[in-house]
Amino acid sequence: MTIQTMPIELHYWPTPNGWKITIYLEETGLPYSLHYVNIGKGEQFEPSFLKIAPNNRMPAIIDPEGPDGRPISVFESGAILQYLGRKTGRFYPTDERARVEVDQWLFWQMGGLGPMAGQAHHFRQYAPEKVPYAIERYTNEVNRLYGVMNRRLADREFLAGDYSIADMASVGWVKPYKNQGQDLEDFPHLKRWFETIMARPAVIRALEVGQEHRRNIAEDKEAQKVLFGQRAR
């Protein structure tokens, strides 16, 4: 088992993508230090942050005890989870067949659940004008994805069998299900999975990290300009 003596630097804001990493760190007990990146104020565009996260998105980490004992920075939440899973050997199996199961569902979240839920949030909560087609399109797609999870969880406790980084990646995107126009009563197996994970002490601790900084973006027009008006520049 890896013994981490120096804290991992977590560049973070309390969002579903940020929660993925606090969940992993809390579940494993790895020491970490918090470096808040206020995405509503544009701190993700600071040159020092762009050096470790060129896509100007959090989370990102700097591990001072990286491969060969040299520091390494990692951006993209899925890549961070895989890196930490390989480093610690926890919640990410070494057996190739089992690892493929986890990777499938991790990439499913990164490419499907997260982006589609994010678009549902945007058009249902933040768009300055209601666009019925967009609201219906993304609400329906999230509903479809919830159905995929519900069927998957009908005969297993977690997405890849055992609790893994795939579950950690997905649970934060289910947490705001009401804002996505969904009802968990329609998905009993998903509801059981969600309640099981949300009751884990490490997850409870992880979701509390930085909660004092959360604001209602739907009412913060300046933050919306920063978050939703980005172009290459």
C-alpha atoms as a PDB file:
ATOM      1  CA  MET A   1       0.000   0.000   0.000  1.00  0.00           C
ATOM      2  CA  THR A   2       1.253   3.469  -0.893  1.00  0.00           C
ATOM      3  CA  ILE A   3       2.190   5.645   2.075  1.00  0.00           C
ATOM      4  CA  GLN A   4       1.822   9.300   1.139  1.00  0.00           C
ATOM      5  CA  THR A   5       3.940  11.545   3.344  1.00  0.00           C
ATOM      6  CA  MET A   6       3.382  14.880   1.576  1.00  0.00           C
ATOM      7  CA  PRO A   7      -0.135  16.171   0.879  1.00  0.00           C
ATOM      8  CA  ILE A   8      -1.521  16.089  -2.628  1.00  0.00           C
ATOM      9  CA  GLU A   9      -2.433  19.587  -3.805  1.00  0.00           C
ATOM     10  CA  LEU A  10      -6.081  19.576  -4.874  1.00  0.00           C
ATOM     11  CA  HIS A  11      -7.166  22.521  -7.010  1.00  0.00           C
ATOM     12  CA  TYR A  12     -10.874  22.425  -6.415  1.00  0.00           C
ATOM     13  CA  TRP A  13     -14.314  23.968  -6.386  1.00  0.00           C
ATOM     14  CA  PRO A  14     -17.379  22.229  -4.908  1.00  0.00           C
ATOM     15  CA  THR A  15     -19.055  20.900  -8.061  1.00  0.00           C
ATOM     16  CA  PRO A  16     -19.830  17.356  -9.261  1.00  0.00           C
ATOM     17  CA  ASN A  17     -16.427  17.141 -10.942  1.00  0.00           C
ATOM     18  CA  GLY A  18     -14.634  18.456  -7.875  1.00  0.00           C
ATOM     19  CA  TRP A  19     -16.518  16.060  -5.605  1.00  0.00           C
ATOM     20  CA  LYS A  20     -15.125  13.077  -7.502  1.00  0.00           C
ATOM     21  CA  ILE A  21     -11.671  13.804  -6.166  1.00  0.00           C
ATOM     22  CA  THR A  22     -12.597  14.734  -2.595  1.00  0.00           C
ATOM     23  CA  ILE A  23     -14.572  11.477  -2.441  1.00  0.00           C
ATOM     24  CA  TYR A  24     -11.548   9.463  -3.519  1.00  0.00           C
ATOM     25  CA  LEU A  25      -9.186  11.260  -1.170  1.00  0.00           C
ATOM     26  CA  GLU A  26     -11.557  10.902   1.771  1.00  0.00           C
ATOM     27  CA  GLU A  27     -12.224   7.233   1.005  1.00  0.00           C
ATOM     28  CA  THR A  28      -8.498   6.421   0.946  1.00  0.00           C
ATOM     29  CA  GLY A  29      -7.327   8.806   3.652  1.00  0.00           C
ATOM     30  CA  LEU A  30      -4.649  10.274   1.412  1.00  0.00           C
ATOM     31  CA  PRO A  31      -3.416  13.591   2.834  1.00  0.00           C
ATOM     32  CA  TYR A  32      -4.351  16.580   0.703  1.00  0.00           C
ATOM     33  CA  SER A  33      -4.283  20.341   0.792  1.00  0.00           C
ATOM     34  CA  LEU A  34      -7.039  22.445  -0.722  1.00  0.00           C
ATOM     35  CA  HIS A  35      -6.426  25.178  -3.267  1.00  0.00           C
ATOM     36  CA  TYR A  36      -9.750  26.750  -4.148  1.00  0.00           C
ATOM     37  CA  VAL A  37     -10.327  27.793  -7.754  1.00  0.00           C
ATOM     38  CA  ASN A  38     -13.309  30.170  -7.753  1.00  0.00           C
ATOM     39  CA  ILE A  39     -14.764  29.432 -11.169  1.00  0.00           C
ATOM     40  CA  GLY A  40     -17.384  32.158 -10.767  1.00  0.00           C
ATOM     41  CA  LYS A  41     -14.650  34.790 -10.495  1.00  0.00           C
ATOM     42  CA  GLY A  42     -12.506  33.459 -13.321  1.00  0.00           C
ATOM     43  CA  GLU A  43      -9.654  32.100 -11.215  1.00  0.00           C
ATOM     44  CA  GLN A  44      -9.464  29.132 -13.620  1.00  0.00           C
ATOM     45  CA  PHE A  45      -7.824  31.492 -16.128  1.00  0.00           C
ATOM     46  CA  GLU A  46      -4.915  32.412 -13.870  1.00  0.00           C
ATOM     47  CA  PRO A  47      -1.577  31.587 -15.576  1.00  0.00           C
ATOM     48  CA  SER A  48      -0.425  29.559 -12.573  1.00  0.00           C
ATOM     49  CA  PHE A  49      -3.508  27.344 -12.817  1.00  0.00           C
ATOM     50  CA  LEU A  50      -3.303  26.991 -16.596  1.00  0.00           C
ATOM     51  CA  LYS A  51       0.162  25.485 -16.181  1.00  0.00           C
ATOM     52  CA  ILE A  52      -1.409  22.429 -14.577  1.00  0.00           C
ATOM     53  CA  ALA A  53      -4.868  22.582 -16.176  1.00  0.00           C
ATOM     54  CA  PRO A  54      -4.554  23.890 -19.759  1.00  0.00           C
ATOM     55  CA  ASN A  55      -8.274  23.370 -20.396  1.00  0.00           C
ATOM     56  CA  ASN A  56      -9.017  25.992 -17.686  1.00  0.00           C
ATOM     57  CA  ARG A  57     -11.220  23.572 -15.799  1.00  0.00           C
ATOM     58  CA  MET A  58     -10.903  22.217 -12.310  1.00  0.00           C
ATOM     59  CA  PRO A  59     -10.187  19.848 -10.634  1.00  0.00           C
ATOM     60  CA  ALA A  60      -6.480  19.326 -11.022  1.00  0.00           C
ATOM     61  CA  ILE A  61      -3.892  17.887  -8.698  1.00  0.00           C
ATOM     62  CA  ILE A  62      -0.188  18.154  -8.058  1.00  0.00           C
ATOM     63  CA  ASP A  63       1.273  15.079  -6.443  1.00  0.00           C
ATOM     64  CA  PRO A  64       4.673  15.928  -4.941  1.00  0.00           C
ATOM     65  CA  GLU A  65       5.381  12.193  -4.681  1.00  0.00           C
ATOM     66  CA  GLY A  66       4.716  11.248  -8.278  1.00  0.00           C
ATOM     67  CA  PRO A  67       6.317   8.534 -10.405  1.00  0.00           C
ATOM     68  CA  ASP A  68      10.025   8.058  -9.699  1.00  0.00           C
ATOM     69  CA  GLY A  69       9.638  10.339  -6.703  1.00  0.00           C
ATOM     70  CA  ARG A  70       9.212  13.431  -8.879  1.00  0.00           C
ATOM     71  CA  PRO A  71       6.168  15.760  -8.721  1.00  0.00           C
ATOM     72  CA  ILE A  72       3.446  15.304 -11.313  1.00  0.00           C
ATOM     73  CA  SER A  73       0.365  17.355 -12.175  1.00  0.00           C
ATOM     74  CA  VAL A  74      -2.805  15.791 -13.532  1.00  0.00           C
ATOM     75  CA  PHE A  75      -5.907  17.467 -14.938  1.00  0.00           C
ATOM     76  CA  GLU A  76      -9.288  16.001 -16.002  1.00  0.00           C
ATOM     77  CA  SER A  77     -11.213  14.335 -13.198  1.00  0.00           C
ATOM     78  CA  GLY A  78     -11.314  10.896 -14.821  1.00  0.00           C
ATOM     79  CA  ALA A  79      -7.560  10.901 -15.399  1.00  0.00           C
ATOM     80  CA  ILE A  80      -7.020  11.981 -11.794  1.00  0.00           C
ATOM     81  CA  LEU A  81      -9.136   9.093 -10.515  1.00  0.00           C
ATOM     82  CA  GLN A  82      -7.248   6.599 -12.664  1.00  0.00           C
ATOM     83  CA  TYR A  83      -3.892   8.014 -11.555  1.00  0.00           C
ATOM     84  CA  LEU A  84      -4.810   7.860  -7.878  1.00  0.00           C
ATOM     85  CA  GLY A  85      -6.275   4.394  -8.336  1.00  0.00           C
ATOM     86  CA  ARG A  86      -3.046   3.109  -9.884  1.00  0.00           C
ATOM     87  CA  LYS A  87      -0.982   4.867  -7.235  1.00  0.00           C
ATOM     88  CA  THR A  88      -2.834   3.431  -4.251  1.00  0.00           C
ATOM     89  CA  GLY A  89      -4.231   0.214  -5.659  1.00  0.00           C
ATOM     90  CA  ARG A  90      -7.609   1.049  -4.178  1.00  0.00           C
ATOM     91  CA  PHE A  91     -11.025   1.260  -5.855  1.00  0.00           C
ATOM     92  CA  TYR A  92      -9.378   0.541  -9.231  1.00  0.00           C
ATOM     93  CA  PRO A  93      -8.629  -3.142  -9.835  1.00  0.00           C
ATOM     94  CA  THR A  94      -5.341  -4.429 -11.218  1.00  0.00           C
ATOM     95  CA  ASP A  95      -6.939  -7.416 -12.945  1.00  0.00           C
ATOM     96  CA  GLU A  96      -7.432  -6.398 -16.566  1.00  0.00           C
ATOM     97  CA  ARG A  97     -10.952  -7.774 -16.969  1.00  0.00           C
ATOM     98  CA  ALA A  98     -12.137  -6.035 -13.801  1.00  0.00           C
ATOM     99  CA  ARG A  99     -10.329  -2.823 -14.741  1.00  0.00           C
ATOM    100  CA  VAL A 100     -12.060  -2.753 -18.139  1.00  0.00           C
ATOM    101  CA  GLU A 101     -15.407  -2.926 -16.337  1.00  0.00           C
ATOM    102  CA  VAL A 102     -14.483   0.124 -14.266  1.00  0.00           C
ATOM    103  CA  ASP A 103     -13.027   2.024 -17.222  1.00  0.00           C
ATOM    104  CA  GLN A 104     -16.164   1.502 -19.307  1.00  0.00           C
ATOM    105  CA  TRP A 105     -18.354   3.116 -16.686  1.00  0.00           C
ATOM    106  CA  LEU A 106     -15.874   5.845 -15.871  1.00  0.00           C
ATOM    107  CA  PHE A 107     -15.725   6.869 -19.532  1.00  0.00           C
ATOM    108  CA  TRP A 108     -19.500   6.525 -19.786  1.00  0.00           C
ATOM    109  CA  GLN A 109     -19.794   9.116 -17.048  1.00  0.00           C
ATOM    110  CA  MET A 110     -17.158  11.414 -18.534  1.00  0.00           C
ATOM    111  CA  GLY A 111     -18.618  11.279 -22.043  1.00  0.00           C
ATOM    112  CA  GLY A 112     -22.314  10.935 -21.268  1.00  0.00           C
ATOM    113  CA  LEU A 113     -23.769  11.448 -17.816  1.00  0.00           C
ATOM    114  CA  GLY A 114     -21.686  14.501 -16.890  1.00  0.00           C
ATOM    115  CA  PRO A 115     -22.016  16.467 -20.147  1.00  0.00           C
ATOM    116  CA  MET A 116     -25.712  15.673 -20.615  1.00  0.00           C
ATOM    117  CA  ALA A 117     -26.618  16.466 -17.001  1.00  0.00           C
ATOM    118  CA  GLY A 118     -24.605  19.666 -17.308  1.00  0.00           C
ATOM    119  CA  GLN A 119     -26.567  20.725 -20.378  1.00  0.00           C
ATOM    120  CA  ALA A 120     -29.830  19.861 -18.639  1.00  0.00           C
ATOM    121  CA  HIS A 121     -28.771  22.064 -15.727  1.00  0.00           C
ATOM    122  CA  HIS A 122     -27.835  24.881 -18.058  1.00  0.00           C
ATOM    123  CA  PHE A 123     -31.034  25.035 -20.052  1.00  0.00           C
ATOM    124  CA  ARG A 124     -33.332  24.306 -17.102  1.00  0.00           C
ATOM    125  CA  GLN A 125     -31.642  26.595 -14.550  1.00  0.00           C
ATOM    126  CA  TYR A 126     -29.304  29.135 -16.118  1.00  0.00           C
ATOM    127  CA  ALA A 127     -30.265  29.974 -19.696  1.00  0.00           C
ATOM    128  CA  PRO A 128     -31.421  33.617 -19.926  1.00  0.00           C
ATOM    129  CA  GLU A 129     -34.327  32.527 -22.069  1.00  0.00           C
ATOM    130  CA  LYS A 130     -36.193  29.235 -21.972  1.00  0.00           C
ATOM    131  CA  VAL A 131     -35.572  27.075 -25.021  1.00  0.00           C
ATOM    132  CA  PRO A 132     -38.225  24.323 -24.911  1.00  0.00           C
ATOM    133  CA  TYR A 133     -36.474  22.098 -27.452  1.00  0.00           C
ATOM    134  CA  ALA A 134     -33.178  22.186 -25.541  1.00  0.00           C
ATOM    135  CA  ILE A 135     -34.883  21.597 -22.194  1.00  0.00           C
ATOM    136  CA  GLU A 136     -36.755  18.579 -23.546  1.00  0.00           C
ATOM    137  CA  ARG A 137     -33.726  17.252 -25.429  1.00  0.00           C
ATOM    138  CA  TYR A 138     -31.356  17.195 -22.461  1.00  0.00           C
ATOM    139  CA  THR A 139     -33.945  16.276 -19.830  1.00  0.00           C
ATOM    140  CA  ASN A 140     -34.905  13.261 -21.928  1.00  0.00           C
ATOM    141  CA  GLU A 141     -31.267  12.270 -22.485  1.00  0.00           C
ATOM    142  CA  VAL A 142     -30.529  12.384 -18.759  1.00  0.00           C
ATOM    143  CA  ASN A 143     -33.643  10.269 -18.235  1.00  0.00           C
ATOM    144  CA  ARG A 144     -32.287   7.752 -20.736  1.00  0.00           C
ATOM    145  CA  LEU A 145     -28.916   7.659 -18.974  1.00  0.00           C
ATOM    146  CA  TYR A 146     -30.582   7.164 -15.601  1.00  0.00           C
ATOM    147  CA  GLY A 147     -32.382   4.230 -17.205  1.00  0.00           C
ATOM    148  CA  VAL A 148     -29.056   2.779 -18.325  1.00  0.00           C
ATOM    149  CA  MET A 149     -27.753   2.965 -14.769  1.00  0.00           C
ATOM    150  CA  ASN A 150     -30.962   1.554 -13.352  1.00  0.00           C
ATOM    151  CA  ARG A 151     -30.776  -1.512 -15.591  1.00  0.00           C
ATOM    152  CA  ARG A 152     -27.085  -1.967 -14.844  1.00  0.00           C
ATOM    153  CA  LEU A 153     -27.696  -1.855 -11.098  1.00  0.00           C
ATOM    154  CA  ALA A 154     -30.578  -4.309 -11.167  1.00  0.00           C
ATOM    155  CA  ASP A 155     -28.282  -7.271 -10.495  1.00  0.00           C
ATOM    156  CA  ARG A 156     -25.217  -5.732  -8.843  1.00  0.00           C
ATOM    157  CA  GLU A 157     -24.535  -3.377  -5.963  1.00  0.00           C
ATOM    158  CA  PHE A 158     -22.288  -0.956  -7.845  1.00  0.00           C
ATOM    159  CA  LEU A 159     -21.663  -0.025 -11.466  1.00  0.00           C
ATOM    160  CA  ALA A 160     -18.646  -2.295 -11.967  1.00  0.00           C
ATOM    161  CA  GLY A 161     -19.560  -4.858  -9.314  1.00  0.00           C
ATOM    162  CA  ASP A 162     -17.419  -3.622  -6.425  1.00  0.00           C
ATOM    163  CA  TYR A 163     -17.416   0.002  -5.278  1.00  0.00           C
ATOM    164  CA  SER A 164     -14.963   1.844  -7.515  1.00  0.00           C
ATOM    165  CA  ILE A 165     -13.891   5.119  -9.067  1.00  0.00           C
ATOM    166  CA  ALA A 166     -16.762   4.698 -11.557  1.00  0.00           C
ATOM    167  CA  ASP A 167     -19.276   5.118  -8.733  1.00  0.00           C
ATOM    168  CA  MET A 168     -17.338   8.052  -7.272  1.00  0.00           C
ATOM    169  CA  ALA A 169     -17.387   9.744 -10.670  1.00  0.00           C
ATOM    170  CA  SER A 170     -21.114   9.284 -11.184  1.00  0.00           C
ATOM    171  CA  VAL A 171     -22.747   9.922  -7.822  1.00  0.00           C
ATOM    172  CA  GLY A 172     -22.139  13.687  -7.802  1.00  0.00           C
ATOM    173  CA  TRP A 173     -23.932  14.026 -11.123  1.00  0.00           C
ATOM    174  CA  VAL A 174     -26.967  12.212  -9.741  1.00  0.00           C
ATOM    175  CA  LYS A 175     -27.025  14.293  -6.561  1.00  0.00           C
ATOM    176  CA  PRO A 176     -28.810  17.276  -8.230  1.00  0.00           C
ATOM    177  CA  TYR A 177     -31.339  15.004  -9.960  1.00  0.00           C
ATOM    178  CA  LYS A 178     -34.246  17.356  -9.267  1.00  0.00           C
ATOM    179  CA  ASN A 179     -32.538  20.154 -11.190  1.00  0.00           C
ATOM    180  CA  GLN A 180     -32.223  17.716 -14.081  1.00  0.00           C
ATOM    181  CA  GLY A 181     -35.974  17.151 -14.083  1.00  0.00           C
ATOM    182  CA  GLN A 182     -35.697  13.582 -12.771  1.00  0.00           C
ATOM    183  CA  ASP A 183     -37.460  11.550 -10.080  1.00  0.00           C
ATOM    184  CA  LEU A 184     -35.449   8.755  -8.476  1.00  0.00           C
ATOM    185  CA  GLU A 185     -38.672   6.933  -7.648  1.00  0.00           C
ATOM    186  CA  ASP A 186     -38.770   6.055 -11.341  1.00  0.00           C
ATOM    187  CA  PHE A 187     -35.421   4.269 -11.006  1.00  0.00           C
ATOM    188  CA  PRO A 188     -35.512   2.011  -7.928  1.00  0.00           C
ATOM    189  CA  HIS A 189     -32.129   0.328  -8.458  1.00  0.00           C
ATOM    190  CA  LEU A 190     -30.442   3.664  -9.103  1.00  0.00           C
ATOM    191  CA  LYS A 191     -32.151   5.095  -6.019  1.00  0.00           C
ATOM    192  CA  ARG A 192     -30.830   2.227  -3.867  1.00  0.00           C
ATOM    193  CA  TRP A 193     -27.291   2.754  -5.249  1.00  0.00           C
ATOM    194  CA  PHE A 194     -27.473   6.512  -4.732  1.00  0.00           C
ATOM    195  CA  GLU A 195     -28.674   6.268  -1.148  1.00  0.00           C
ATOM    196  CA  THR A 196     -26.043   3.625  -0.333  1.00  0.00           C
ATOM    197  CA  ILE A 197     -23.181   5.786  -1.572  1.00  0.00           C
ATOM    198  CA  MET A 198     -24.513   9.008  -0.082  1.00  0.00           C
ATOM    199  CA  ALA A 199     -24.592   7.326   3.344  1.00  0.00           C
ATOM    200  CA  ARG A 200     -20.878   6.456   3.280  1.00  0.00           C
ATOM    201  CA  PRO A 201     -19.016   8.531   5.910  1.00  0.00           C
ATOM    202  CA  ALA A 202     -16.210   9.425   3.473  1.00  0.00           C
ATOM    203  CA  VAL A 203     -18.728  10.653   0.906  1.00  0.00           C
ATOM    204  CA  ILE A 204     -20.521  12.741   3.503  1.00  0.00           C
ATOM    205  CA  ARG A 205     -17.210  14.355   4.457  1.00  0.00           C
ATOM    206  CA  ALA A 206     -16.205  14.844   0.821  1.00  0.00           C
ATOM    207  CA  LEU A 207     -19.410  16.637  -0.122  1.00  0.00           C
ATOM    208  CA  GLU A 208     -19.005  19.031   2.790  1.00  0.00           C
ATOM    209  CA  VAL A 209     -15.634  20.273   1.545  1.00  0.00           C
ATOM    210  CA  GLY A 210     -15.985  23.891   0.461  1.00  0.00           C
ATOM    211  CA  GLN A 211     -19.762  24.022   0.863  1.00  0.00           C
ATOM    212  CA  GLU A 212     -19.431  27.444   2.463  1.00  0.00           C
ATOM    213  CA  HIS A 213     -18.188  28.719  -0.907  1.00  0.00           C
ATOM    214  CA  ARG A 214     -21.112  27.471  -2.992  1.00  0.00           C
ATOM    215  CA  ARG A 215     -23.370  30.145  -4.415  1.00  0.00           C
ATOM    216  CA  ASN A 216     -26.539  30.142  -6.461  1.00  0.00           C
ATOM    217  CA  ILE A 217     -25.130  30.669  -9.951  1.00  0.00           C
ATOM    218  CA  ALA A 218     -28.687  31.011 -11.294  1.00  0.00           C
ATOM    219  CA  GLU A 219     -28.895  34.348  -9.464  1.00  0.00           C
ATOM    220  CA  ASP A 220     -25.313  35.512 -10.095  1.00  0.00           C
ATOM    221  CA  LYS A 221     -25.241  37.176 -13.495  1.00  0.00           C
ATOM    222  CA  GLU A 222     -21.561  38.109 -13.275  1.00  0.00           C
ATOM    223  CA  ALA A 223     -20.586  34.523 -12.559  1.00  0.00           C
ATOM    224  CA  GLN A 224     -22.718  33.392 -15.500  1.00  0.00           C
ATOM    225  CA  LYS A 225     -20.787  35.716 -17.795  1.00  0.00           C
ATOM    226  CA  VAL A 226     -17.543  34.103 -16.676  1.00  0.00           C
ATOM    227  CA  LEU A 227     -18.815  30.530 -16.881  1.00  0.00           C
ATOM    228  CA  PHE A 228     -20.965  30.613 -19.989  1.00  0.00           C
ATOM    229  CA  GLY A 229     -19.350  33.187 -22.231  1.00  0.00           C
ATOM    230  CA  GLN A 230     -15.962  31.606 -22.733  1.00  0.00           C
ATOM    231  CA  ARG A 231     -14.208  31.668 -26.078  1.00  0.00           C
ATOM    232  CA  ALA A 232     -10.630  31.094 -27.187  1.00  0.00           C
ATOM    233  CA  ARG A 233      -8.717  34.168 -26.127  1.00  0.00           C
END
